[in-house]
Amino acid sequence: MPTTSRNLAYRKHDHARCIDDALSAARKLCTERALRLTPLREQVLQLVWQSHKPLGAYAILDLLSAANGAQKLRLAPPTVYRALEFLLEHGLIHRVNSLNAFIGCSQPHAHHSSLFLICRNCETAVEINDSAIATAIHTAAQQARFTEQSACVEIAGLCPNCRRDAA
């Protein structure tokens, strides 16, 4: 049986808690691994978690520029990309390939396949964890004598809210 994020993105929930939990998990992970979670990296992570909609690098740059006001001229795309690379490398965020965007990881402490349900209407994305899908991917790779390093499955459709609204 697949499991989903503690609070599915399309359900009403305390989103501030999602952000707080993500930042706490990131701080803990970085402390345990002796990594440096700089203020900029933390700010980028917070922006990625601001909603359950994947954000592109340039949207993040615009949000950072707006938030940093006077420092606006010093921010450039490579700055954001370096922060995103760090967060990706350490499993704090995922890249949603089909949208060329990023979303927070609900399980940064564990290496896992990226499985997403993405609403085509509201663009909300939900990370799911389904061991049967992960096992099937691993088995298929082994049968093809392929060494799997990562996997990302993106399922596009309509979330319950958009499906209900369309009815």
N, C-alpha and C. Protein backbone atom coordinates (compact mmCIF):
# COMPACT_ATOMS: atom_id res chain seq x y z
N MET A 1 0.85 -1.19 0.00
CA MET A 1 0.00 0.00 0.00
C MET A 1 0.88 1.24 0.00
N PRO A 2 0.67 2.14 -0.95
CA PRO A 2 1.52 3.33 -0.99
C PRO A 2 1.23 4.26 0.18
N THR A 3 2.27 4.94 0.61
CA THR A 3 2.09 5.96 1.64
C THR A 3 2.41 7.31 1.01
N THR A 4 1.77 8.34 1.54
CA THR A 4 1.96 9.67 0.99
C THR A 4 2.53 10.59 2.07
N SER A 5 2.84 11.79 1.68
CA SER A 5 3.31 12.79 2.64
C SER A 5 2.33 12.87 3.80
N ARG A 6 2.84 13.23 4.95
CA ARG A 6 2.01 13.28 6.15
C ARG A 6 0.73 14.06 5.90
N ASN A 7 0.84 15.18 5.27
CA ASN A 7 -0.33 15.97 4.91
C ASN A 7 -0.37 16.09 3.40
N LEU A 8 -1.31 15.42 2.78
CA LEU A 8 -1.40 15.53 1.33
C LEU A 8 -1.61 16.98 0.94
N ALA A 9 -0.93 17.39 -0.07
CA ALA A 9 -0.93 18.79 -0.47
C ALA A 9 -2.31 19.32 -0.79
N TYR A 10 -3.19 18.48 -1.28
CA TYR A 10 -4.51 18.98 -1.67
C TYR A 10 -5.53 18.90 -0.55
N ARG A 11 -5.10 18.52 0.62
CA ARG A 11 -5.99 18.55 1.79
C ARG A 11 -5.68 19.78 2.62
N LYS A 12 -6.70 20.26 3.33
CA LYS A 12 -6.46 21.40 4.22
C LYS A 12 -5.54 20.94 5.35
N HIS A 13 -4.52 21.73 5.61
CA HIS A 13 -3.58 21.41 6.67
C HIS A 13 -2.82 22.66 7.07
N ASP A 14 -2.07 22.57 8.13
CA ASP A 14 -1.26 23.68 8.61
C ASP A 14 0.02 23.71 7.80
N HIS A 15 0.04 24.51 6.72
CA HIS A 15 1.19 24.52 5.83
C HIS A 15 2.43 25.10 6.50
N ALA A 16 2.25 25.99 7.44
CA ALA A 16 3.40 26.53 8.17
C ALA A 16 4.15 25.39 8.86
N ARG A 17 3.41 24.39 9.28
CA ARG A 17 4.06 23.23 9.92
C ARG A 17 4.89 22.45 8.90
N CYS A 18 4.41 22.34 7.65
CA CYS A 18 5.19 21.68 6.59
C CYS A 18 6.54 22.37 6.45
N ILE A 19 6.52 23.69 6.41
CA ILE A 19 7.74 24.47 6.25
C ILE A 19 8.65 24.29 7.47
N ASP A 20 8.08 24.43 8.66
CA ASP A 20 8.86 24.28 9.89
C ASP A 20 9.49 22.89 9.98
N ASP A 21 8.71 21.85 9.66
CA ASP A 21 9.21 20.48 9.70
C ASP A 21 10.35 20.28 8.70
N ALA A 22 10.19 20.84 7.50
CA ALA A 22 11.22 20.71 6.47
C ALA A 22 12.51 21.41 6.89
N LEU A 23 12.40 22.60 7.45
CA LEU A 23 13.58 23.33 7.88
C LEU A 23 14.26 22.63 9.06
N SER A 24 13.47 22.12 9.98
CA SER A 24 14.03 21.38 11.12
C SER A 24 14.76 20.13 10.65
N ALA A 25 14.14 19.40 9.73
CA ALA A 25 14.77 18.18 9.19
C ALA A 25 16.07 18.52 8.47
N ALA A 26 16.07 19.62 7.73
CA ALA A 26 17.28 20.04 7.00
C ALA A 26 18.39 20.41 7.97
N ARG A 27 18.05 21.16 9.00
CA ARG A 27 19.07 21.55 9.99
C ARG A 27 19.65 20.31 10.68
N LYS A 28 18.78 19.39 11.04
CA LYS A 28 19.22 18.15 11.70
C LYS A 28 20.13 17.33 10.78
N LEU A 29 19.69 17.14 9.54
CA LEU A 29 20.47 16.37 8.58
C LEU A 29 21.83 17.01 8.35
N CYS A 30 21.87 18.32 8.20
CA CYS A 30 23.13 19.02 7.96
C CYS A 30 24.05 18.93 9.18
N THR A 31 23.50 19.01 10.36
CA THR A 31 24.30 18.86 11.57
C THR A 31 24.88 17.45 11.65
N GLU A 32 24.04 16.43 11.41
CA GLU A 32 24.49 15.03 11.47
C GLU A 32 25.58 14.74 10.45
N ARG A 33 25.50 15.35 9.28
CA ARG A 33 26.45 15.08 8.19
C ARG A 33 27.56 16.12 8.09
N ALA A 34 27.61 17.03 9.06
CA ALA A 34 28.61 18.10 9.08
C ALA A 34 28.58 18.90 7.78
N LEU A 35 27.38 19.25 7.36
CA LEU A 35 27.18 20.05 6.15
C LEU A 35 26.84 21.48 6.56
N ARG A 36 27.08 22.40 5.68
CA ARG A 36 26.81 23.81 5.98
C ARG A 36 25.50 24.24 5.30
N LEU A 37 24.49 24.45 6.12
CA LEU A 37 23.22 24.97 5.62
C LEU A 37 23.28 26.49 5.75
N THR A 38 23.76 27.13 4.70
CA THR A 38 23.93 28.58 4.73
C THR A 38 22.58 29.27 4.79
N PRO A 39 22.55 30.53 5.18
CA PRO A 39 21.28 31.25 5.18
C PRO A 39 20.60 31.25 3.80
N LEU A 40 21.39 31.37 2.73
CA LEU A 40 20.80 31.36 1.39
C LEU A 40 20.20 29.99 1.07
N ARG A 41 20.91 28.92 1.37
CA ARG A 41 20.39 27.57 1.13
C ARG A 41 19.11 27.35 1.91
N GLU A 42 19.10 27.81 3.16
CA GLU A 42 17.89 27.67 3.98
C GLU A 42 16.74 28.50 3.41
N GLN A 43 17.05 29.69 2.92
CA GLN A 43 16.01 30.54 2.33
C GLN A 43 15.45 29.91 1.05
N VAL A 44 16.32 29.33 0.23
CA VAL A 44 15.86 28.64 -0.98
C VAL A 44 14.98 27.46 -0.60
N LEU A 45 15.39 26.70 0.40
CA LEU A 45 14.58 25.55 0.85
C LEU A 45 13.22 26.03 1.34
N GLN A 46 13.20 27.10 2.09
CA GLN A 46 11.93 27.64 2.58
C GLN A 46 11.04 28.07 1.42
N LEU A 47 11.61 28.68 0.41
CA LEU A 47 10.82 29.09 -0.76
C LEU A 47 10.28 27.89 -1.52
N VAL A 48 11.09 26.85 -1.65
CA VAL A 48 10.63 25.64 -2.32
C VAL A 48 9.44 25.05 -1.57
N TRP A 49 9.47 25.14 -0.26
CA TRP A 49 8.39 24.58 0.57
C TRP A 49 7.23 25.56 0.77
N GLN A 50 7.28 26.75 0.18
CA GLN A 50 6.22 27.74 0.43
C GLN A 50 4.84 27.25 -0.01
N SER A 51 4.82 26.32 -0.93
CA SER A 51 3.55 25.71 -1.35
C SER A 51 3.87 24.30 -1.81
N HIS A 52 2.88 23.58 -2.19
CA HIS A 52 3.09 22.23 -2.70
C HIS A 52 3.12 22.23 -4.22
N LYS A 53 3.46 23.38 -4.79
CA LYS A 53 3.59 23.49 -6.23
C LYS A 53 5.08 23.62 -6.56
N PRO A 54 5.57 22.79 -7.45
CA PRO A 54 6.99 22.87 -7.81
C PRO A 54 7.34 24.26 -8.35
N LEU A 55 8.52 24.74 -7.98
CA LEU A 55 8.99 26.06 -8.41
C LEU A 55 10.22 25.92 -9.28
N GLY A 56 10.26 26.71 -10.34
CA GLY A 56 11.43 26.75 -11.21
C GLY A 56 12.50 27.64 -10.61
N ALA A 57 13.72 27.49 -11.09
CA ALA A 57 14.85 28.25 -10.56
C ALA A 57 14.65 29.76 -10.72
N TYR A 58 14.10 30.18 -11.85
CA TYR A 58 13.91 31.62 -12.05
C TYR A 58 12.79 32.18 -11.18
N ALA A 59 11.79 31.38 -10.88
CA ALA A 59 10.75 31.82 -9.94
C ALA A 59 11.36 31.98 -8.55
N ILE A 60 12.25 31.05 -8.19
CA ILE A 60 12.93 31.14 -6.90
C ILE A 60 13.81 32.40 -6.87
N LEU A 61 14.51 32.67 -7.96
CA LEU A 61 15.36 33.87 -8.05
C LEU A 61 14.52 35.12 -7.87
N ASP A 62 13.36 35.17 -8.53
CA ASP A 62 12.48 36.34 -8.39
C ASP A 62 12.01 36.51 -6.94
N LEU A 63 11.63 35.40 -6.29
CA LEU A 63 11.19 35.46 -4.90
C LEU A 63 12.33 35.90 -3.98
N LEU A 64 13.52 35.39 -4.23
CA LEU A 64 14.69 35.80 -3.43
C LEU A 64 14.99 37.27 -3.62
N SER A 65 14.93 37.73 -4.85
CA SER A 65 15.20 39.14 -5.14
C SER A 65 14.20 40.03 -4.44
N ALA A 66 12.94 39.64 -4.48
CA ALA A 66 11.90 40.43 -3.81
C ALA A 66 12.11 40.44 -2.30
N ALA A 67 12.50 39.30 -1.75
CA ALA A 67 12.68 39.19 -0.30
C ALA A 67 13.93 39.92 0.18
N ASN A 68 14.95 40.01 -0.68
CA ASN A 68 16.22 40.60 -0.26
C ASN A 68 16.37 42.06 -0.64
N GLY A 69 15.38 42.63 -1.28
CA GLY A 69 15.35 44.06 -1.58
C GLY A 69 16.64 44.67 -2.07
N ALA A 70 17.38 45.31 -1.17
CA ALA A 70 18.58 46.06 -1.55
C ALA A 70 19.66 45.17 -2.15
N GLN A 71 19.68 43.91 -1.80
CA GLN A 71 20.70 43.00 -2.32
C GLN A 71 20.31 42.44 -3.69
N LYS A 72 19.23 42.93 -4.23
CA LYS A 72 18.66 42.42 -5.48
C LYS A 72 19.70 42.28 -6.60
N LEU A 73 20.57 43.26 -6.75
CA LEU A 73 21.52 43.25 -7.84
C LEU A 73 22.59 42.16 -7.69
N ARG A 74 22.83 41.70 -6.49
CA ARG A 74 23.87 40.70 -6.27
C ARG A 74 23.40 39.28 -6.53
N LEU A 75 22.12 39.07 -6.67
CA LEU A 75 21.60 37.73 -6.91
C LEU A 75 21.60 37.43 -8.40
N ALA A 76 22.10 36.27 -8.74
CA ALA A 76 22.17 35.86 -10.14
C ALA A 76 21.78 34.39 -10.23
N PRO A 77 21.38 33.93 -11.40
CA PRO A 77 20.97 32.53 -11.55
C PRO A 77 21.97 31.51 -10.99
N PRO A 78 23.28 31.67 -11.20
CA PRO A 78 24.21 30.68 -10.64
C PRO A 78 24.11 30.55 -9.12
N THR A 79 23.77 31.65 -8.45
CA THR A 79 23.61 31.62 -6.99
C THR A 79 22.50 30.67 -6.60
N VAL A 80 21.38 30.79 -7.29
CA VAL A 80 20.23 29.93 -7.01
C VAL A 80 20.54 28.48 -7.40
N TYR A 81 21.15 28.30 -8.55
CA TYR A 81 21.48 26.94 -9.00
C TYR A 81 22.43 26.24 -8.05
N ARG A 82 23.40 26.95 -7.50
CA ARG A 82 24.32 26.33 -6.53
C ARG A 82 23.57 25.89 -5.28
N ALA A 83 22.66 26.73 -4.80
CA ALA A 83 21.86 26.36 -3.61
C ALA A 83 20.98 25.16 -3.92
N LEU A 84 20.34 25.16 -5.09
CA LEU A 84 19.49 24.03 -5.48
C LEU A 84 20.31 22.74 -5.63
N GLU A 85 21.51 22.85 -6.20
CA GLU A 85 22.38 21.67 -6.34
C GLU A 85 22.72 21.08 -4.98
N PHE A 86 23.03 21.92 -4.01
CA PHE A 86 23.32 21.45 -2.65
C PHE A 86 22.10 20.73 -2.07
N LEU A 87 20.94 21.35 -2.18
CA LEU A 87 19.72 20.77 -1.62
C LEU A 87 19.36 19.46 -2.31
N LEU A 88 19.57 19.38 -3.62
CA LEU A 88 19.34 18.15 -4.38
C LEU A 88 20.32 17.06 -3.95
N GLU A 89 21.59 17.42 -3.91
CA GLU A 89 22.64 16.46 -3.59
C GLU A 89 22.42 15.79 -2.24
N HIS A 90 21.86 16.53 -1.31
CA HIS A 90 21.68 16.01 0.04
C HIS A 90 20.24 15.56 0.32
N GLY A 91 19.45 15.43 -0.74
CA GLY A 91 18.11 14.85 -0.63
C GLY A 91 17.08 15.71 0.05
N LEU A 92 17.30 17.01 0.12
CA LEU A 92 16.34 17.89 0.78
C LEU A 92 15.23 18.35 -0.16
N ILE A 93 15.50 18.27 -1.46
CA ILE A 93 14.50 18.61 -2.47
C ILE A 93 14.58 17.58 -3.60
N HIS A 94 13.57 17.58 -4.45
CA HIS A 94 13.55 16.76 -5.66
C HIS A 94 13.38 17.67 -6.86
N ARG A 95 13.85 17.20 -7.99
CA ARG A 95 13.61 17.90 -9.25
C ARG A 95 12.45 17.19 -9.94
N VAL A 96 11.45 17.96 -10.31
CA VAL A 96 10.32 17.43 -11.07
C VAL A 96 10.66 17.69 -12.53
N ASN A 97 11.13 16.65 -13.20
CA ASN A 97 11.68 16.80 -14.54
C ASN A 97 10.69 17.36 -15.55
N SER A 98 9.46 16.88 -15.51
CA SER A 98 8.48 17.31 -16.52
C SER A 98 8.15 18.79 -16.42
N LEU A 99 8.37 19.38 -15.25
CA LEU A 99 8.07 20.80 -15.05
C LEU A 99 9.33 21.66 -14.97
N ASN A 100 10.50 21.01 -15.01
CA ASN A 100 11.77 21.71 -14.83
C ASN A 100 11.69 22.58 -13.59
N ALA A 101 11.28 21.96 -12.49
CA ALA A 101 11.04 22.69 -11.24
C ALA A 101 11.44 21.81 -10.06
N PHE A 102 11.33 22.38 -8.87
CA PHE A 102 11.79 21.72 -7.66
C PHE A 102 10.70 21.70 -6.61
N ILE A 103 10.73 20.64 -5.79
CA ILE A 103 9.76 20.48 -4.71
C ILE A 103 10.48 19.90 -3.51
N GLY A 104 10.00 20.24 -2.32
CA GLY A 104 10.63 19.73 -1.11
C GLY A 104 10.46 18.23 -0.97
N CYS A 105 11.46 17.60 -0.36
CA CYS A 105 11.41 16.16 -0.12
C CYS A 105 10.79 15.91 1.25
N SER A 106 9.81 15.03 1.29
CA SER A 106 9.14 14.72 2.55
C SER A 106 9.90 13.72 3.40
N GLN A 107 10.94 13.09 2.83
CA GLN A 107 11.72 12.10 3.57
C GLN A 107 13.22 12.30 3.31
N PRO A 108 13.78 13.43 3.72
CA PRO A 108 15.17 13.71 3.38
C PRO A 108 16.18 12.79 4.07
N HIS A 109 15.77 12.12 5.10
CA HIS A 109 16.68 11.26 5.86
C HIS A 109 16.94 9.91 5.18
N ALA A 110 16.13 9.56 4.18
CA ALA A 110 16.25 8.24 3.56
C ALA A 110 16.37 8.35 2.04
N HIS A 111 17.31 7.59 1.47
CA HIS A 111 17.40 7.53 0.00
C HIS A 111 16.18 6.78 -0.52
N HIS A 112 15.53 7.33 -1.52
CA HIS A 112 14.32 6.71 -2.06
C HIS A 112 14.06 7.18 -3.48
N SER A 113 13.24 6.42 -4.18
CA SER A 113 12.82 6.81 -5.52
C SER A 113 11.87 7.99 -5.41
N SER A 114 11.88 8.83 -6.41
CA SER A 114 10.98 9.98 -6.43
C SER A 114 9.72 9.57 -7.18
N LEU A 115 8.61 9.58 -6.50
CA LEU A 115 7.32 9.24 -7.09
C LEU A 115 6.37 10.40 -6.81
N PHE A 116 5.86 11.01 -7.89
CA PHE A 116 5.01 12.19 -7.72
C PHE A 116 3.67 12.05 -8.42
N LEU A 117 2.65 12.56 -7.77
CA LEU A 117 1.33 12.75 -8.37
C LEU A 117 1.23 14.25 -8.63
N ILE A 118 1.07 14.64 -9.89
CA ILE A 118 1.09 16.06 -10.26
C ILE A 118 -0.25 16.42 -10.90
N CYS A 119 -0.95 17.38 -10.30
CA CYS A 119 -2.23 17.82 -10.85
C CYS A 119 -1.99 18.74 -12.03
N ARG A 120 -2.56 18.39 -13.17
CA ARG A 120 -2.40 19.21 -14.39
C ARG A 120 -3.15 20.54 -14.29
N ASN A 121 -4.13 20.62 -13.40
CA ASN A 121 -4.93 21.83 -13.30
C ASN A 121 -4.32 22.82 -12.30
N CYS A 122 -4.19 22.44 -11.05
CA CYS A 122 -3.69 23.37 -10.03
C CYS A 122 -2.18 23.28 -9.83
N GLU A 123 -1.53 22.32 -10.47
CA GLU A 123 -0.08 22.11 -10.44
C GLU A 123 0.46 21.68 -9.09
N THR A 124 -0.42 21.26 -8.18
CA THR A 124 0.03 20.73 -6.91
C THR A 124 0.71 19.38 -7.15
N ALA A 125 1.78 19.14 -6.43
CA ALA A 125 2.50 17.87 -6.55
C ALA A 125 2.58 17.22 -5.18
N VAL A 126 2.37 15.91 -5.15
CA VAL A 126 2.44 15.15 -3.92
C VAL A 126 3.47 14.04 -4.11
N GLU A 127 4.40 13.97 -3.18
CA GLU A 127 5.37 12.88 -3.20
C GLU A 127 4.75 11.67 -2.52
N ILE A 128 4.86 10.53 -3.16
CA ILE A 128 4.37 9.30 -2.55
C ILE A 128 5.52 8.32 -2.40
N ASN A 129 5.35 7.40 -1.48
CA ASN A 129 6.33 6.35 -1.27
C ASN A 129 5.60 5.03 -1.42
N ASP A 130 5.93 4.30 -2.46
CA ASP A 130 5.30 3.01 -2.72
C ASP A 130 6.39 1.99 -2.98
N SER A 131 6.60 1.11 -2.01
CA SER A 131 7.69 0.13 -2.12
C SER A 131 7.47 -0.81 -3.30
N ALA A 132 6.23 -1.09 -3.68
CA ALA A 132 5.96 -1.99 -4.80
C ALA A 132 6.47 -1.37 -6.11
N ILE A 133 6.25 -0.07 -6.29
CA ILE A 133 6.73 0.61 -7.50
C ILE A 133 8.26 0.65 -7.49
N ALA A 134 8.83 1.00 -6.36
CA ALA A 134 10.29 1.05 -6.25
C ALA A 134 10.90 -0.32 -6.53
N THR A 135 10.29 -1.37 -6.01
CA THR A 135 10.78 -2.73 -6.24
C THR A 135 10.65 -3.10 -7.71
N ALA A 136 9.54 -2.75 -8.33
CA ALA A 136 9.34 -3.05 -9.76
C ALA A 136 10.39 -2.35 -10.61
N ILE A 137 10.70 -1.11 -10.30
CA ILE A 137 11.73 -0.38 -11.05
C ILE A 137 13.09 -1.05 -10.86
N HIS A 138 13.41 -1.39 -9.63
CA HIS A 138 14.69 -2.04 -9.33
C HIS A 138 14.79 -3.40 -10.04
N THR A 139 13.73 -4.17 -10.00
CA THR A 139 13.72 -5.49 -10.64
C THR A 139 13.88 -5.36 -12.15
N ALA A 140 13.16 -4.43 -12.76
CA ALA A 140 13.27 -4.21 -14.20
C ALA A 140 14.69 -3.81 -14.59
N ALA A 141 15.31 -2.95 -13.78
CA ALA A 141 16.68 -2.53 -14.05
C ALA A 141 17.63 -3.73 -13.94
N GLN A 142 17.46 -4.53 -12.91
CA GLN A 142 18.31 -5.71 -12.74
C GLN A 142 18.16 -6.68 -13.90
N GLN A 143 16.94 -6.91 -14.34
CA GLN A 143 16.69 -7.83 -15.45
C GLN A 143 17.34 -7.32 -16.74
N ALA A 144 17.47 -6.01 -16.87
CA ALA A 144 18.11 -5.43 -18.05
C ALA A 144 19.62 -5.28 -17.84
N ARG A 145 20.10 -5.80 -16.72
CA ARG A 145 21.52 -5.72 -16.35
C ARG A 145 21.98 -4.26 -16.31
N PHE A 146 21.09 -3.43 -15.77
CA PHE A 146 21.30 -1.99 -15.68
C PHE A 146 21.53 -1.63 -14.21
N THR A 147 22.54 -0.82 -13.95
CA THR A 147 22.79 -0.37 -12.58
C THR A 147 22.03 0.92 -12.36
N GLU A 148 20.98 0.81 -11.61
CA GLU A 148 20.11 1.96 -11.32
C GLU A 148 20.77 2.84 -10.26
N GLN A 149 20.78 4.14 -10.51
CA GLN A 149 21.33 5.08 -9.54
C GLN A 149 20.25 5.96 -8.92
N SER A 150 19.23 6.22 -9.69
CA SER A 150 18.09 6.99 -9.18
C SER A 150 16.90 6.71 -10.08
N ALA A 151 15.73 6.99 -9.56
CA ALA A 151 14.50 6.80 -10.34
C ALA A 151 13.53 7.92 -9.99
N CYS A 152 12.80 8.36 -11.00
CA CYS A 152 11.80 9.40 -10.80
C CYS A 152 10.58 9.05 -11.65
N VAL A 153 9.44 8.90 -10.99
CA VAL A 153 8.20 8.60 -11.70
C VAL A 153 7.25 9.77 -11.44
N GLU A 154 6.74 10.35 -12.52
CA GLU A 154 5.83 11.48 -12.42
C GLU A 154 4.51 11.09 -13.06
N ILE A 155 3.45 11.13 -12.27
CA ILE A 155 2.12 10.74 -12.75
C ILE A 155 1.26 12.00 -12.80
N ALA A 156 0.85 12.37 -14.00
CA ALA A 156 0.03 13.57 -14.20
C ALA A 156 -1.44 13.19 -14.22
N GLY A 157 -2.26 14.03 -13.66
CA GLY A 157 -3.70 13.80 -13.62
C GLY A 157 -4.39 14.93 -12.91
N LEU A 158 -5.51 14.61 -12.27
CA LEU A 158 -6.27 15.62 -11.52
C LEU A 158 -6.35 15.23 -10.05
N CYS A 159 -6.06 16.19 -9.18
CA CYS A 159 -6.18 15.94 -7.75
C CYS A 159 -7.68 15.87 -7.40
N PRO A 160 -8.01 15.36 -6.22
CA PRO A 160 -9.43 15.27 -5.83
C PRO A 160 -10.17 16.60 -5.90
N ASN A 161 -9.52 17.69 -5.50
CA ASN A 161 -10.19 19.00 -5.53
C ASN A 161 -10.52 19.44 -6.93
N CYS A 162 -9.56 19.33 -7.84
CA CYS A 162 -9.81 19.75 -9.24
C CYS A 162 -10.79 18.81 -9.92
N ARG A 163 -10.74 17.53 -9.61
CA ARG A 163 -11.68 16.57 -10.17
C ARG A 163 -13.09 16.90 -9.69
N ARG A 164 -13.23 17.24 -8.41
CA ARG A 164 -14.53 17.60 -7.84
C ARG A 164 -15.04 18.89 -8.47
N ASP A 165 -14.15 19.87 -8.63
CA ASP A 165 -14.54 21.14 -9.23
C ASP A 165 -14.97 21.00 -10.69
N ALA A 166 -14.38 20.04 -11.39
CA ALA A 166 -14.70 19.82 -12.81
C ALA A 166 -16.03 19.10 -12.97
N ALA A 167 -16.47 18.39 -11.93
CA ALA A 167 -17.70 17.60 -12.02
C ALA A 167 -18.95 18.44 -11.97
